[in-house]
Amino acid sequence: MTRFLLTLPLLALPLMACTPQQQSTALGAVGGAAVGAAVSSDEDREKGALVGAIVGGAAGTLLGPASQSGQCRYRDQYGQEYIAPC
């Protein structure tokens, strides 16, 4: 029960984000943490959640939805943003 109460603020994180980019990053981080915790062993569950949150947040930032239908926003290695088909 205490673990649930500790993770409750993480579930509300995407709702607190203002812009679509921040929402995408927050949703990626929460989803990555959930997947990382789920695939980790019992003694490494916290590490798995942390790594998953970092990877998910980065993926949510770099690969986010674009304003056009069927298009996604990407970022290249130099930080330049471009839009291409998903």
N, C-alpha and C. Protein backbone atom coordinates (compact mmCIF):
# COMPACT_ATOMS: atom_id res chain seq x y z
N MET A 1 0.82 -1.19 0.00
CA MET A 1 0.00 0.00 0.00
C MET A 1 0.87 1.26 0.00
N THR A 2 1.96 1.22 0.75
CA THR A 2 2.83 2.41 0.79
C THR A 2 3.52 2.63 -0.55
N ARG A 3 3.83 1.55 -1.26
CA ARG A 3 4.43 1.72 -2.59
C ARG A 3 3.46 2.39 -3.53
N PHE A 4 2.18 2.01 -3.44
CA PHE A 4 1.18 2.63 -4.29
C PHE A 4 1.07 4.12 -3.98
N LEU A 5 1.10 4.47 -2.71
CA LEU A 5 1.01 5.88 -2.34
C LEU A 5 2.24 6.67 -2.78
N LEU A 6 3.38 6.00 -2.84
CA LEU A 6 4.60 6.67 -3.31
C LEU A 6 4.59 6.85 -4.82
N THR A 7 3.95 5.94 -5.55
CA THR A 7 3.93 6.04 -7.01
C THR A 7 2.76 6.87 -7.52
N LEU A 8 1.82 7.21 -6.67
CA LEU A 8 0.67 8.00 -7.09
C LEU A 8 1.06 9.34 -7.71
N PRO A 9 2.03 10.09 -7.16
CA PRO A 9 2.42 11.34 -7.83
C PRO A 9 3.00 11.12 -9.23
N LEU A 10 3.65 9.99 -9.47
CA LEU A 10 4.18 9.72 -10.81
C LEU A 10 3.07 9.54 -11.82
N LEU A 11 1.95 8.98 -11.40
CA LEU A 11 0.84 8.78 -12.31
C LEU A 11 0.19 10.11 -12.71
N ALA A 12 0.29 11.11 -11.85
CA ALA A 12 -0.28 12.42 -12.14
C ALA A 12 0.69 13.32 -12.90
N LEU A 13 1.92 12.90 -13.09
CA LEU A 13 2.94 13.72 -13.74
C LEU A 13 2.54 14.16 -15.15
N PRO A 14 2.03 13.27 -16.01
CA PRO A 14 1.65 13.75 -17.35
C PRO A 14 0.53 14.79 -17.32
N LEU A 15 -0.31 14.77 -16.32
CA LEU A 15 -1.39 15.75 -16.23
C LEU A 15 -0.89 17.13 -15.86
N MET A 16 0.26 17.20 -15.18
CA MET A 16 0.80 18.48 -14.75
C MET A 16 1.61 19.18 -15.83
N ALA A 17 1.95 18.49 -16.90
CA ALA A 17 2.74 19.09 -17.97
C ALA A 17 1.89 20.08 -18.76
N CYS A 18 2.51 21.15 -19.20
CA CYS A 18 1.78 22.23 -19.86
C CYS A 18 1.70 22.04 -21.37
N THR A 19 2.83 21.87 -22.02
CA THR A 19 2.86 21.80 -23.48
C THR A 19 2.77 20.33 -23.92
N PRO A 20 2.38 20.10 -25.17
CA PRO A 20 2.36 18.72 -25.67
C PRO A 20 3.73 18.04 -25.60
N GLN A 21 4.80 18.81 -25.79
CA GLN A 21 6.15 18.23 -25.69
C GLN A 21 6.43 17.75 -24.27
N GLN A 22 6.05 18.56 -23.27
CA GLN A 22 6.24 18.15 -21.89
C GLN A 22 5.36 16.95 -21.53
N GLN A 23 4.15 16.92 -22.06
CA GLN A 23 3.26 15.79 -21.82
C GLN A 23 3.83 14.52 -22.42
N SER A 24 4.39 14.62 -23.61
CA SER A 24 4.99 13.46 -24.27
C SER A 24 6.20 12.96 -23.47
N THR A 25 7.02 13.87 -22.97
CA THR A 25 8.17 13.50 -22.17
C THR A 25 7.74 12.83 -20.86
N ALA A 26 6.76 13.42 -20.19
CA ALA A 26 6.29 12.86 -18.92
C ALA A 26 5.64 11.50 -19.12
N LEU A 27 4.85 11.37 -20.16
CA LEU A 27 4.21 10.09 -20.43
C LEU A 27 5.24 9.02 -20.77
N GLY A 28 6.27 9.39 -21.53
CA GLY A 28 7.34 8.45 -21.84
C GLY A 28 8.10 8.02 -20.60
N ALA A 29 8.33 8.96 -19.69
CA ALA A 29 9.05 8.64 -18.45
C ALA A 29 8.23 7.72 -17.56
N VAL A 30 6.95 7.99 -17.42
CA VAL A 30 6.09 7.14 -16.58
C VAL A 30 5.96 5.74 -17.20
N GLY A 31 5.74 5.69 -18.50
CA GLY A 31 5.65 4.40 -19.17
C GLY A 31 6.95 3.62 -19.12
N GLY A 32 8.05 4.31 -19.31
CA GLY A 32 9.36 3.65 -19.23
C GLY A 32 9.66 3.12 -17.85
N ALA A 33 9.27 3.87 -16.82
CA ALA A 33 9.48 3.41 -15.44
C ALA A 33 8.65 2.17 -15.16
N ALA A 34 7.43 2.15 -15.65
CA ALA A 34 6.57 0.98 -15.44
C ALA A 34 7.13 -0.25 -16.14
N VAL A 35 7.57 -0.08 -17.37
CA VAL A 35 8.14 -1.22 -18.10
C VAL A 35 9.46 -1.65 -17.48
N GLY A 36 10.29 -0.69 -17.10
CA GLY A 36 11.57 -1.02 -16.47
C GLY A 36 11.40 -1.78 -15.17
N ALA A 37 10.43 -1.39 -14.37
CA ALA A 37 10.17 -2.09 -13.12
C ALA A 37 9.58 -3.47 -13.37
N ALA A 38 8.77 -3.59 -14.41
CA ALA A 38 8.13 -4.87 -14.70
C ALA A 38 9.11 -5.93 -15.20
N VAL A 39 10.11 -5.52 -15.95
CA VAL A 39 11.03 -6.50 -16.53
C VAL A 39 12.26 -6.75 -15.67
N SER A 40 12.41 -6.03 -14.57
CA SER A 40 13.56 -6.20 -13.69
C SER A 40 13.30 -7.30 -12.67
N SER A 41 14.39 -7.82 -12.13
CA SER A 41 14.25 -8.79 -11.05
C SER A 41 13.86 -8.08 -9.77
N ASP A 42 13.47 -8.84 -8.75
CA ASP A 42 12.98 -8.24 -7.52
C ASP A 42 14.00 -7.34 -6.83
N GLU A 43 15.26 -7.74 -6.83
CA GLU A 43 16.26 -6.92 -6.12
C GLU A 43 16.71 -5.71 -6.93
N ASP A 44 16.44 -5.68 -8.23
CA ASP A 44 16.85 -4.55 -9.08
C ASP A 44 15.66 -3.76 -9.62
N ARG A 45 14.51 -3.88 -8.99
CA ARG A 45 13.30 -3.23 -9.50
C ARG A 45 13.42 -1.70 -9.53
N GLU A 46 14.04 -1.11 -8.50
CA GLU A 46 14.19 0.34 -8.47
C GLU A 46 15.14 0.82 -9.56
N LYS A 47 16.24 0.09 -9.76
CA LYS A 47 17.17 0.45 -10.83
C LYS A 47 16.51 0.33 -12.19
N GLY A 48 15.74 -0.72 -12.39
CA GLY A 48 15.02 -0.90 -13.65
C GLY A 48 14.03 0.21 -13.91
N ALA A 49 13.33 0.64 -12.87
CA ALA A 49 12.37 1.74 -13.02
C ALA A 49 13.09 3.04 -13.34
N LEU A 50 14.23 3.28 -12.71
CA LEU A 50 14.99 4.50 -12.95
C LEU A 50 15.53 4.54 -14.38
N VAL A 51 16.11 3.44 -14.82
CA VAL A 51 16.64 3.38 -16.19
C VAL A 51 15.50 3.50 -17.19
N GLY A 52 14.40 2.82 -16.92
CA GLY A 52 13.24 2.91 -17.81
C GLY A 52 12.68 4.31 -17.90
N ALA A 53 12.65 5.03 -16.78
CA ALA A 53 12.15 6.41 -16.78
C ALA A 53 13.06 7.31 -17.59
N ILE A 54 14.36 7.12 -17.48
CA ILE A 54 15.31 7.94 -18.24
C ILE A 54 15.17 7.68 -19.73
N VAL A 55 15.15 6.41 -20.10
CA VAL A 55 15.04 6.05 -21.52
C VAL A 55 13.68 6.48 -22.07
N GLY A 56 12.61 6.24 -21.31
CA GLY A 56 11.28 6.62 -21.77
C GLY A 56 11.12 8.13 -21.89
N GLY A 57 11.68 8.87 -20.96
CA GLY A 57 11.62 10.33 -21.04
C GLY A 57 12.39 10.86 -22.24
N ALA A 58 13.55 10.29 -22.49
CA ALA A 58 14.33 10.71 -23.65
C ALA A 58 13.60 10.37 -24.95
N ALA A 59 13.02 9.19 -25.00
CA ALA A 59 12.27 8.81 -26.20
C ALA A 59 11.04 9.69 -26.38
N GLY A 60 10.37 10.02 -25.29
CA GLY A 60 9.21 10.90 -25.39
C GLY A 60 9.58 12.29 -25.85
N THR A 61 10.78 12.74 -25.49
CA THR A 61 11.25 14.06 -25.91
C THR A 61 11.67 14.05 -27.38
N LEU A 62 12.42 13.05 -27.76
CA LEU A 62 12.97 13.01 -29.12
C LEU A 62 11.97 12.57 -30.16
N LEU A 63 11.07 11.68 -29.80
CA LEU A 63 10.08 11.15 -30.74
C LEU A 63 8.70 11.50 -30.23
N GLY A 64 8.26 12.69 -30.52
CA GLY A 64 6.96 13.13 -30.02
C GLY A 64 5.98 13.32 -31.15
N PRO A 65 4.71 13.47 -30.80
CA PRO A 65 3.70 13.70 -31.83
C PRO A 65 3.83 15.09 -32.43
N ALA A 66 3.57 15.20 -33.70
CA ALA A 66 3.58 16.49 -34.38
C ALA A 66 2.15 17.00 -34.49
N SER A 67 2.00 18.22 -34.95
CA SER A 67 0.67 18.80 -35.05
C SER A 67 -0.11 18.27 -36.25
N GLN A 68 0.56 17.74 -37.25
CA GLN A 68 -0.12 17.20 -38.42
C GLN A 68 -0.48 15.74 -38.20
N SER A 69 -1.58 15.31 -38.76
CA SER A 69 -2.01 13.93 -38.63
C SER A 69 -1.09 13.01 -39.42
N GLY A 70 -0.68 11.90 -38.81
CA GLY A 70 0.19 10.94 -39.48
C GLY A 70 1.65 11.36 -39.53
N GLN A 71 2.00 12.45 -38.88
CA GLN A 71 3.37 12.95 -38.86
C GLN A 71 3.91 12.90 -37.44
N CYS A 72 5.19 12.69 -37.30
CA CYS A 72 5.84 12.69 -35.99
C CYS A 72 6.99 13.69 -36.00
N ARG A 73 7.29 14.19 -34.85
CA ARG A 73 8.37 15.16 -34.68
C ARG A 73 9.61 14.39 -34.21
N TYR A 74 10.72 14.56 -34.92
CA TYR A 74 11.98 13.90 -34.58
C TYR A 74 13.04 14.95 -34.33
N ARG A 75 14.12 14.52 -33.69
CA ARG A 75 15.25 15.41 -33.42
C ARG A 75 16.52 14.66 -33.84
N ASP A 76 17.35 15.30 -34.64
CA ASP A 76 18.58 14.63 -35.09
C ASP A 76 19.68 14.79 -34.05
N GLN A 77 20.86 14.27 -34.36
CA GLN A 77 21.96 14.25 -33.41
C GLN A 77 22.48 15.65 -33.08
N TYR A 78 22.13 16.64 -33.89
CA TYR A 78 22.58 18.00 -33.64
C TYR A 78 21.51 18.84 -32.92
N GLY A 79 20.39 18.21 -32.58
CA GLY A 79 19.33 18.89 -31.86
C GLY A 79 18.33 19.61 -32.75
N GLN A 80 18.43 19.44 -34.05
CA GLN A 80 17.53 20.09 -34.98
C GLN A 80 16.25 19.24 -35.09
N GLU A 81 15.11 19.91 -35.02
CA GLU A 81 13.83 19.23 -35.07
C GLU A 81 13.34 19.17 -36.51
N TYR A 82 12.74 18.02 -36.88
CA TYR A 82 12.12 17.89 -38.20
C TYR A 82 10.90 17.00 -38.09
N ILE A 83 10.01 17.11 -39.04
CA ILE A 83 8.76 16.36 -39.05
C ILE A 83 8.79 15.40 -40.23
N ALA A 84 8.45 14.15 -39.98
CA ALA A 84 8.44 13.11 -41.01
C ALA A 84 7.30 12.15 -40.72
N PRO A 85 6.93 11.33 -41.71
CA PRO A 85 5.87 10.34 -41.46
C PRO A 85 6.27 9.39 -40.34
N CYS A 86 5.29 9.00 -39.54
CA CYS A 86 5.55 8.08 -38.43
C CYS A 86 5.87 6.68 -38.90
